[in-house]
Amino acid sequence: MSALATFSDRFKGQFAGQLNVIRRRLFGANNEKLDFFMDSFYKLSPNQRTGVLAGIVGIIALFVFGAVGLYFSQVNRLKNDLAASFDALHELHTMKGQYEQENKNYEKLVDTIEKKTRSMSIKPFFEKIANDLGVTLEGLNDSKAPLPSDNALSEKIGEVKVEMHMPNISIPRLMSFLVEVEKSNKYLKVQDLQIRGRYGTKLFFDAQAKVRGYDGGSH
């Protein structure tokens, strides 16, 4: 309401200033135009005077109603602007709450990834699964790098890539090994897999796998 009152007072001041400008243009700075009009008015016949007075009253009434209509239209416009502002403020508070909740979820996800990957040693991890399943690993290499900048986790989490060669392996054993890697709850995913046949056998193959994961200890 205070904003509405301020606007109303300011509008009244502007309205009064405009009235003064109009008065000076109509009647002159020292009312010399008014004196001229009055002299001319008294020279008219009674019927002419009545017509002039009626016309003046009509013009004044039209001007007053127009000014009042403009005033209330501006007041209504201000009310609509204030209502829109309050709606925008309410939406902002709602979005702020949603942002805070999403940020909590983000921090929780980062914390979970860091806890599950920070202490993980790549080679011992893969070698244990391979030994448990009787899989031979050769050329096991890992490399770490930042995540792409368009990834929401890139500011706090890094990326790890692992490459390995598995010679003379059967398809069921290969699948079991890869499934164990992905279901280990270490956020590891098989990114690429190549399988080549071996000469003289249809049961065993040479496999090359690339695994991608998160590195929670790089930040």
C-alpha atoms as a PDB file:
ATOM      1  CA  MET A   1       0.000   0.000   0.000  1.00  0.00           C
ATOM      2  CA  SER A   2       2.890   2.397   0.669  1.00  0.00           C
ATOM      3  CA  ALA A   3       4.101   1.962  -2.920  1.00  0.00           C
ATOM      4  CA  LEU A   4       0.574   2.674  -4.165  1.00  0.00           C
ATOM      5  CA  ALA A   5       0.349   5.834  -2.038  1.00  0.00           C
ATOM      6  CA  THR A   6       3.745   7.018  -3.287  1.00  0.00           C
ATOM      7  CA  PHE A   7       2.728   6.505  -6.863  1.00  0.00           C
ATOM      8  CA  SER A   8      -0.591   8.292  -6.234  1.00  0.00           C
ATOM      9  CA  ASP A   9       1.153  11.325  -4.718  1.00  0.00           C
ATOM     10  CA  ARG A  10       3.660  11.464  -7.551  1.00  0.00           C
ATOM     11  CA  PHE A  11       0.903  11.203 -10.131  1.00  0.00           C
ATOM     12  CA  LYS A  12      -1.051  14.005  -8.440  1.00  0.00           C
ATOM     13  CA  GLY A  13       2.040  16.232  -8.548  1.00  0.00           C
ATOM     14  CA  GLN A  14       2.576  15.537 -12.238  1.00  0.00           C
ATOM     15  CA  PHE A  15      -1.118  16.124 -12.889  1.00  0.00           C
ATOM     16  CA  ALA A  16      -0.995  19.497 -11.107  1.00  0.00           C
ATOM     17  CA  GLY A  17       2.074  20.518 -13.100  1.00  0.00           C
ATOM     18  CA  GLN A  18       0.381  19.649 -16.368  1.00  0.00           C
ATOM     19  CA  LEU A  19      -2.671  21.671 -15.324  1.00  0.00           C
ATOM     20  CA  ASN A  20      -0.473  24.730 -14.750  1.00  0.00           C
ATOM     21  CA  VAL A  21       1.068  24.380 -18.206  1.00  0.00           C
ATOM     22  CA  ILE A  22      -2.385  24.066 -19.791  1.00  0.00           C
ATOM     23  CA  ARG A  23      -3.663  27.066 -17.817  1.00  0.00           C
ATOM     24  CA  ARG A  24      -0.801  29.283 -19.019  1.00  0.00           C
ATOM     25  CA  ARG A  25      -1.367  28.233 -22.620  1.00  0.00           C
ATOM     26  CA  LEU A  26      -5.114  28.869 -22.421  1.00  0.00           C
ATOM     27  CA  PHE A  27      -5.253  32.047 -20.339  1.00  0.00           C
ATOM     28  CA  GLY A  28      -1.737  33.498 -20.697  1.00  0.00           C
ATOM     29  CA  ALA A  29       0.927  34.071 -18.080  1.00  0.00           C
ATOM     30  CA  ASN A  30      -1.004  37.020 -16.539  1.00  0.00           C
ATOM     31  CA  ASN A  31      -4.486  35.948 -17.632  1.00  0.00           C
ATOM     32  CA  GLU A  32      -4.397  38.400 -20.558  1.00  0.00           C
ATOM     33  CA  LYS A  33      -6.103  35.848 -22.790  1.00  0.00           C
ATOM     34  CA  LEU A  34      -8.815  35.410 -20.169  1.00  0.00           C
ATOM     35  CA  ASP A  35      -9.475  39.179 -20.100  1.00  0.00           C
ATOM     36  CA  PHE A  36      -9.790  39.154 -23.878  1.00  0.00           C
ATOM     37  CA  PHE A  37     -12.223  36.230 -23.738  1.00  0.00           C
ATOM     38  CA  MET A  38     -14.294  37.911 -21.033  1.00  0.00           C
ATOM     39  CA  ASP A  39     -14.587  41.156 -23.057  1.00  0.00           C
ATOM     40  CA  SER A  40     -15.616  39.200 -26.110  1.00  0.00           C
ATOM     41  CA  PHE A  41     -18.074  37.150 -24.046  1.00  0.00           C
ATOM     42  CA  TYR A  42     -19.917  40.205 -22.683  1.00  0.00           C
ATOM     43  CA  LYS A  43     -20.329  41.552 -26.199  1.00  0.00           C
ATOM     44  CA  LEU A  44     -22.359  38.464 -27.153  1.00  0.00           C
ATOM     45  CA  SER A  45     -26.144  38.229 -27.005  1.00  0.00           C
ATOM     46  CA  PRO A  46     -27.762  36.313 -24.088  1.00  0.00           C
ATOM     47  CA  ASN A  47     -28.466  33.275 -26.284  1.00  0.00           C
ATOM     48  CA  GLN A  48     -24.892  33.233 -27.545  1.00  0.00           C
ATOM     49  CA  ARG A  49     -23.592  33.519 -23.988  1.00  0.00           C
ATOM     50  CA  THR A  50     -25.703  30.543 -22.952  1.00  0.00           C
ATOM     51  CA  GLY A  51     -24.336  28.480 -25.840  1.00  0.00           C
ATOM     52  CA  VAL A  52     -20.756  29.430 -25.040  1.00  0.00           C
ATOM     53  CA  LEU A  53     -21.212  28.592 -21.365  1.00  0.00           C
ATOM     54  CA  ALA A  54     -22.739  25.230 -22.232  1.00  0.00           C
ATOM     55  CA  GLY A  55     -19.828  24.488 -24.548  1.00  0.00           C
ATOM     56  CA  ILE A  56     -17.283  25.491 -21.893  1.00  0.00           C
ATOM     57  CA  VAL A  57     -19.016  23.334 -19.289  1.00  0.00           C
ATOM     58  CA  GLY A  58     -19.034  20.392 -21.699  1.00  0.00           C
ATOM     59  CA  ILE A  59     -15.319  20.813 -22.469  1.00  0.00           C
ATOM     60  CA  ILE A  60     -14.470  21.084 -18.778  1.00  0.00           C
ATOM     61  CA  ALA A  61     -16.575  18.020 -17.957  1.00  0.00           C
ATOM     62  CA  LEU A  62     -14.928  16.073 -20.772  1.00  0.00           C
ATOM     63  CA  PHE A  63     -11.483  17.119 -19.586  1.00  0.00           C
ATOM     64  CA  VAL A  64     -12.266  16.237 -15.951  1.00  0.00           C
ATOM     65  CA  PHE A  65     -13.683  12.828 -16.823  1.00  0.00           C
ATOM     66  CA  GLY A  66     -10.718  12.149 -19.090  1.00  0.00           C
ATOM     67  CA  ALA A  67      -8.260  13.124 -16.356  1.00  0.00           C
ATOM     68  CA  VAL A  68     -10.077  11.015 -13.772  1.00  0.00           C
ATOM     69  CA  GLY A  69     -10.190   8.069 -16.164  1.00  0.00           C
ATOM     70  CA  LEU A  70      -6.466   8.427 -16.846  1.00  0.00           C
ATOM     71  CA  TYR A  71      -5.758   8.608 -13.123  1.00  0.00           C
ATOM     72  CA  PHE A  72      -7.672   5.426 -12.319  1.00  0.00           C
ATOM     73  CA  SER A  73      -6.232   3.623 -15.336  1.00  0.00           C
ATOM     74  CA  GLN A  74      -2.733   4.408 -14.053  1.00  0.00           C
ATOM     75  CA  VAL A  75      -3.707   3.238 -10.563  1.00  0.00           C
ATOM     76  CA  ASN A  76      -5.074  -0.022 -11.977  1.00  0.00           C
ATOM     77  CA  ARG A  77      -1.937  -0.440 -14.044  1.00  0.00           C
ATOM     78  CA  LEU A  78       0.170  -0.015 -10.905  1.00  0.00           C
ATOM     79  CA  LYS A  79      -1.973  -2.559  -9.067  1.00  0.00           C
ATOM     80  CA  ASN A  80      -1.465  -5.035 -11.917  1.00  0.00           C
ATOM     81  CA  ASP A  81       2.290  -4.373 -11.900  1.00  0.00           C
ATOM     82  CA  LEU A  82       2.402  -4.932  -8.147  1.00  0.00           C
ATOM     83  CA  ALA A  83       0.407  -8.152  -8.471  1.00  0.00           C
ATOM     84  CA  ALA A  84       2.775  -9.363 -11.206  1.00  0.00           C
ATOM     85  CA  SER A  85       5.753  -8.439  -9.011  1.00  0.00           C
ATOM     86  CA  PHE A  86       4.361 -10.404  -6.077  1.00  0.00           C
ATOM     87  CA  ASP A  87       3.716 -13.382  -8.364  1.00  0.00           C
ATOM     88  CA  ALA A  88       7.299 -13.179  -9.667  1.00  0.00           C
ATOM     89  CA  LEU A  89       8.599 -12.942  -6.099  1.00  0.00           C
ATOM     90  CA  HIS A  90       6.586 -16.004  -5.088  1.00  0.00           C
ATOM     91  CA  GLU A  91       7.902 -17.899  -8.115  1.00  0.00           C
ATOM     92  CA  LEU A  92      11.445 -16.834  -7.207  1.00  0.00           C
ATOM     93  CA  HIS A  93      11.021 -18.192  -3.667  1.00  0.00           C
ATOM     94  CA  THR A  94       9.650 -21.438  -5.114  1.00  0.00           C
ATOM     95  CA  MET A  95      12.569 -21.742  -7.530  1.00  0.00           C
ATOM     96  CA  LYS A  96      15.000 -20.979  -4.717  1.00  0.00           C
ATOM     97  CA  GLY A  97      13.567 -23.841  -2.676  1.00  0.00           C
ATOM     98  CA  GLN A  98      13.796 -26.170  -5.672  1.00  0.00           C
ATOM     99  CA  TYR A  99      17.382 -25.075  -6.311  1.00  0.00           C
ATOM    100  CA  GLU A 100      18.376 -25.692  -2.702  1.00  0.00           C
ATOM    101  CA  GLN A 101      16.830 -29.168  -2.824  1.00  0.00           C
ATOM    102  CA  GLU A 102      18.552 -29.997  -6.128  1.00  0.00           C
ATOM    103  CA  ASN A 103      21.830 -28.691  -4.744  1.00  0.00           C
ATOM    104  CA  LYS A 104      21.459 -30.969  -1.707  1.00  0.00           C
ATOM    105  CA  ASN A 105      20.817 -33.915  -4.027  1.00  0.00           C
ATOM    106  CA  TYR A 106      23.868 -32.947  -6.077  1.00  0.00           C
ATOM    107  CA  GLU A 107      26.124 -32.716  -3.023  1.00  0.00           C
ATOM    108  CA  LYS A 108      24.776 -36.032  -1.769  1.00  0.00           C
ATOM    109  CA  LEU A 109      25.546 -37.691  -5.122  1.00  0.00           C
ATOM    110  CA  VAL A 110      29.073 -36.236  -5.175  1.00  0.00           C
ATOM    111  CA  ASP A 111      29.668 -37.418  -1.617  1.00  0.00           C
ATOM    112  CA  THR A 112      28.430 -40.927  -2.478  1.00  0.00           C
ATOM    113  CA  ILE A 113      30.660 -41.166  -5.555  1.00  0.00           C
ATOM    114  CA  GLU A 114      33.686 -39.907  -3.640  1.00  0.00           C
ATOM    115  CA  LYS A 115      33.186 -42.398  -0.809  1.00  0.00           C
ATOM    116  CA  LYS A 116      32.863 -45.351  -3.200  1.00  0.00           C
ATOM    117  CA  THR A 117      35.698 -44.460  -5.556  1.00  0.00           C
ATOM    118  CA  ARG A 118      38.294 -42.517  -3.544  1.00  0.00           C
ATOM    119  CA  SER A 119      39.831 -45.543  -1.865  1.00  0.00           C
ATOM    120  CA  MET A 120      39.507 -47.873  -4.871  1.00  0.00           C
ATOM    121  CA  SER A 121      42.777 -49.118  -6.397  1.00  0.00           C
ATOM    122  CA  ILE A 122      42.125 -49.858 -10.048  1.00  0.00           C
ATOM    123  CA  LYS A 123      44.492 -52.756 -10.714  1.00  0.00           C
ATOM    124  CA  PRO A 124      43.823 -54.714  -7.483  1.00  0.00           C
ATOM    125  CA  PHE A 125      40.085 -54.245  -8.028  1.00  0.00           C
ATOM    126  CA  PHE A 126      40.072 -55.743 -11.541  1.00  0.00           C
ATOM    127  CA  GLU A 127      42.649 -58.406 -10.704  1.00  0.00           C
ATOM    128  CA  LYS A 128      40.552 -59.680  -7.784  1.00  0.00           C
ATOM    129  CA  ILE A 129      37.454 -60.093  -9.968  1.00  0.00           C
ATOM    130  CA  ALA A 130      39.559 -61.771 -12.665  1.00  0.00           C
ATOM    131  CA  ASN A 131      41.116 -64.209 -10.159  1.00  0.00           C
ATOM    132  CA  ASP A 132      37.700 -65.053  -8.686  1.00  0.00           C
ATOM    133  CA  LEU A 133      36.366 -65.921 -12.147  1.00  0.00           C
ATOM    134  CA  GLY A 134      39.523 -67.476 -13.588  1.00  0.00           C
ATOM    135  CA  VAL A 135      40.029 -64.717 -16.163  1.00  0.00           C
ATOM    136  CA  THR A 136      43.480 -63.811 -17.453  1.00  0.00           C
ATOM    137  CA  LEU A 137      44.166 -60.090 -17.725  1.00  0.00           C
ATOM    138  CA  GLU A 138      46.950 -58.625 -19.835  1.00  0.00           C
ATOM    139  CA  GLY A 139      47.952 -55.011 -20.467  1.00  0.00           C
ATOM    140  CA  LEU A 140      45.797 -53.623 -17.670  1.00  0.00           C
ATOM    141  CA  ASN A 141      46.247 -49.832 -17.816  1.00  0.00           C
ATOM    142  CA  ASP A 142      44.331 -46.965 -16.287  1.00  0.00           C
ATOM    143  CA  SER A 143      44.394 -43.216 -16.940  1.00  0.00           C
ATOM    144  CA  LYS A 144      42.731 -40.290 -15.212  1.00  0.00           C
ATOM    145  CA  ALA A 145      41.411 -37.080 -16.748  1.00  0.00           C
ATOM    146  CA  PRO A 146      38.871 -34.318 -16.013  1.00  0.00           C
ATOM    147  CA  LEU A 147      35.269 -34.917 -16.966  1.00  0.00           C
ATOM    148  CA  PRO A 148      33.902 -32.929 -19.928  1.00  0.00           C
ATOM    149  CA  SER A 149      32.959 -29.381 -18.906  1.00  0.00           C
ATOM    150  CA  ASP A 150      29.301 -29.964 -19.827  1.00  0.00           C
ATOM    151  CA  ASN A 151      29.066 -32.692 -17.172  1.00  0.00           C
ATOM    152  CA  ALA A 152      27.524 -31.343 -13.954  1.00  0.00           C
ATOM    153  CA  LEU A 153      30.019 -33.366 -11.886  1.00  0.00           C
ATOM    154  CA  SER A 154      33.106 -31.968 -13.650  1.00  0.00           C
ATOM    155  CA  GLU A 155      33.894 -29.419 -10.916  1.00  0.00           C
ATOM    156  CA  LYS A 156      34.286 -32.030  -8.185  1.00  0.00           C
ATOM    157  CA  ILE A 157      34.717 -35.439  -9.821  1.00  0.00           C
ATOM    158  CA  GLY A 158      37.262 -36.737 -12.335  1.00  0.00           C
ATOM    159  CA  GLU A 159      37.130 -39.547 -14.848  1.00  0.00           C
ATOM    160  CA  VAL A 160      39.087 -42.790 -14.970  1.00  0.00           C
ATOM    161  CA  LYS A 161      39.485 -45.001 -18.036  1.00  0.00           C
ATOM    162  CA  VAL A 162      40.703 -48.589 -17.858  1.00  0.00           C
ATOM    163  CA  GLU A 163      41.873 -50.753 -20.767  1.00  0.00           C
ATOM    164  CA  MET A 164      42.571 -54.483 -20.599  1.00  0.00           C
ATOM    165  CA  HIS A 165      43.161 -57.477 -22.800  1.00  0.00           C
ATOM    166  CA  MET A 166      41.612 -60.875 -22.002  1.00  0.00           C
ATOM    167  CA  PRO A 167      43.134 -63.653 -24.147  1.00  0.00           C
ATOM    168  CA  ASN A 168      41.664 -67.091 -24.672  1.00  0.00           C
ATOM    169  CA  ILE A 169      38.373 -66.406 -22.853  1.00  0.00           C
ATOM    170  CA  SER A 170      34.956 -67.958 -23.354  1.00  0.00           C
ATOM    171  CA  ILE A 171      31.913 -65.769 -23.956  1.00  0.00           C
ATOM    172  CA  PRO A 172      30.113 -66.860 -20.731  1.00  0.00           C
ATOM    173  CA  ARG A 173      33.214 -66.113 -18.628  1.00  0.00           C
ATOM    174  CA  LEU A 174      33.733 -62.774 -20.389  1.00  0.00           C
ATOM    175  CA  MET A 175      30.143 -61.766 -19.735  1.00  0.00           C
ATOM    176  CA  SER A 176      30.396 -62.817 -16.083  1.00  0.00           C
ATOM    177  CA  PHE A 177      33.543 -60.718 -15.664  1.00  0.00           C
ATOM    178  CA  LEU A 178      31.987 -57.600 -17.210  1.00  0.00           C
ATOM    179  CA  VAL A 179      28.765 -58.008 -15.229  1.00  0.00           C
ATOM    180  CA  GLU A 180      30.743 -58.252 -11.979  1.00  0.00           C
ATOM    181  CA  VAL A 181      32.603 -55.059 -12.864  1.00  0.00           C
ATOM    182  CA  GLU A 182      29.446 -53.084 -13.568  1.00  0.00           C
ATOM    183  CA  LYS A 183      27.443 -54.354 -10.600  1.00  0.00           C
ATOM    184  CA  SER A 184      30.310 -53.679  -8.147  1.00  0.00           C
ATOM    185  CA  ASN A 185      28.657 -50.385  -7.159  1.00  0.00           C
ATOM    186  CA  LYS A 186      31.837 -48.487  -8.062  1.00  0.00           C
ATOM    187  CA  TYR A 187      30.195 -46.503 -10.863  1.00  0.00           C
ATOM    188  CA  LEU A 188      32.055 -48.401 -13.586  1.00  0.00           C
ATOM    189  CA  LYS A 189      30.612 -48.904 -17.053  1.00  0.00           C
ATOM    190  CA  VAL A 190      31.911 -50.887 -20.031  1.00  0.00           C
ATOM    191  CA  GLN A 191      32.506 -48.291 -22.735  1.00  0.00           C
ATOM    192  CA  ASP A 192      33.882 -50.438 -25.540  1.00  0.00           C
ATOM    193  CA  LEU A 193      34.272 -54.165 -26.158  1.00  0.00           C
ATOM    194  CA  GLN A 194      36.032 -55.920 -29.032  1.00  0.00           C
ATOM    195  CA  ILE A 195      35.961 -59.703 -29.465  1.00  0.00           C
ATOM    196  CA  ARG A 196      38.140 -61.559 -31.964  1.00  0.00           C
ATOM    197  CA  GLY A 197      38.053 -65.242 -32.811  1.00  0.00           C
ATOM    198  CA  ARG A 198      41.047 -67.495 -32.196  1.00  0.00           C
ATOM    199  CA  TYR A 199      42.438 -69.766 -34.840  1.00  0.00           C
ATOM    200  CA  GLY A 200      41.552 -73.418 -34.340  1.00  0.00           C
ATOM    201  CA  THR A 201      38.741 -72.986 -31.771  1.00  0.00           C
ATOM    202  CA  LYS A 202      35.181 -71.773 -31.729  1.00  0.00           C
ATOM    203  CA  LEU A 203      34.814 -71.721 -27.941  1.00  0.00           C
ATOM    204  CA  PHE A 204      37.482 -69.236 -26.916  1.00  0.00           C
ATOM    205  CA  PHE A 205      38.201 -65.681 -28.048  1.00  0.00           C
ATOM    206  CA  ASP A 206      40.502 -62.723 -27.505  1.00  0.00           C
ATOM    207  CA  ALA A 207      38.720 -59.748 -25.973  1.00  0.00           C
ATOM    208  CA  GLN A 208      39.709 -56.098 -25.559  1.00  0.00           C
ATOM    209  CA  ALA A 209      37.633 -54.004 -23.152  1.00  0.00           C
ATOM    210  CA  LYS A 210      37.535 -50.333 -22.161  1.00  0.00           C
ATOM    211  CA  VAL A 211      35.840 -49.369 -18.915  1.00  0.00           C
ATOM    212  CA  ARG A 212      34.908 -45.849 -17.869  1.00  0.00           C
ATOM    213  CA  GLY A 213      34.306 -44.675 -14.312  1.00  0.00           C
ATOM    214  CA  TYR A 214      34.519 -41.804 -11.838  1.00  0.00           C
ATOM    215  CA  ASP A 215      37.603 -40.776  -9.909  1.00  0.00           C
ATOM    216  CA  GLY A 216      36.475 -39.294  -6.617  1.00  0.00           C
ATOM    217  CA  GLY A 217      39.995 -38.717  -5.376  1.00  0.00           C
ATOM    218  CA  SER A 218      41.121 -36.273  -8.068  1.00  0.00           C
ATOM    219  CA  HIS A 219      39.590 -33.133  -6.540  1.00  0.00           C
END
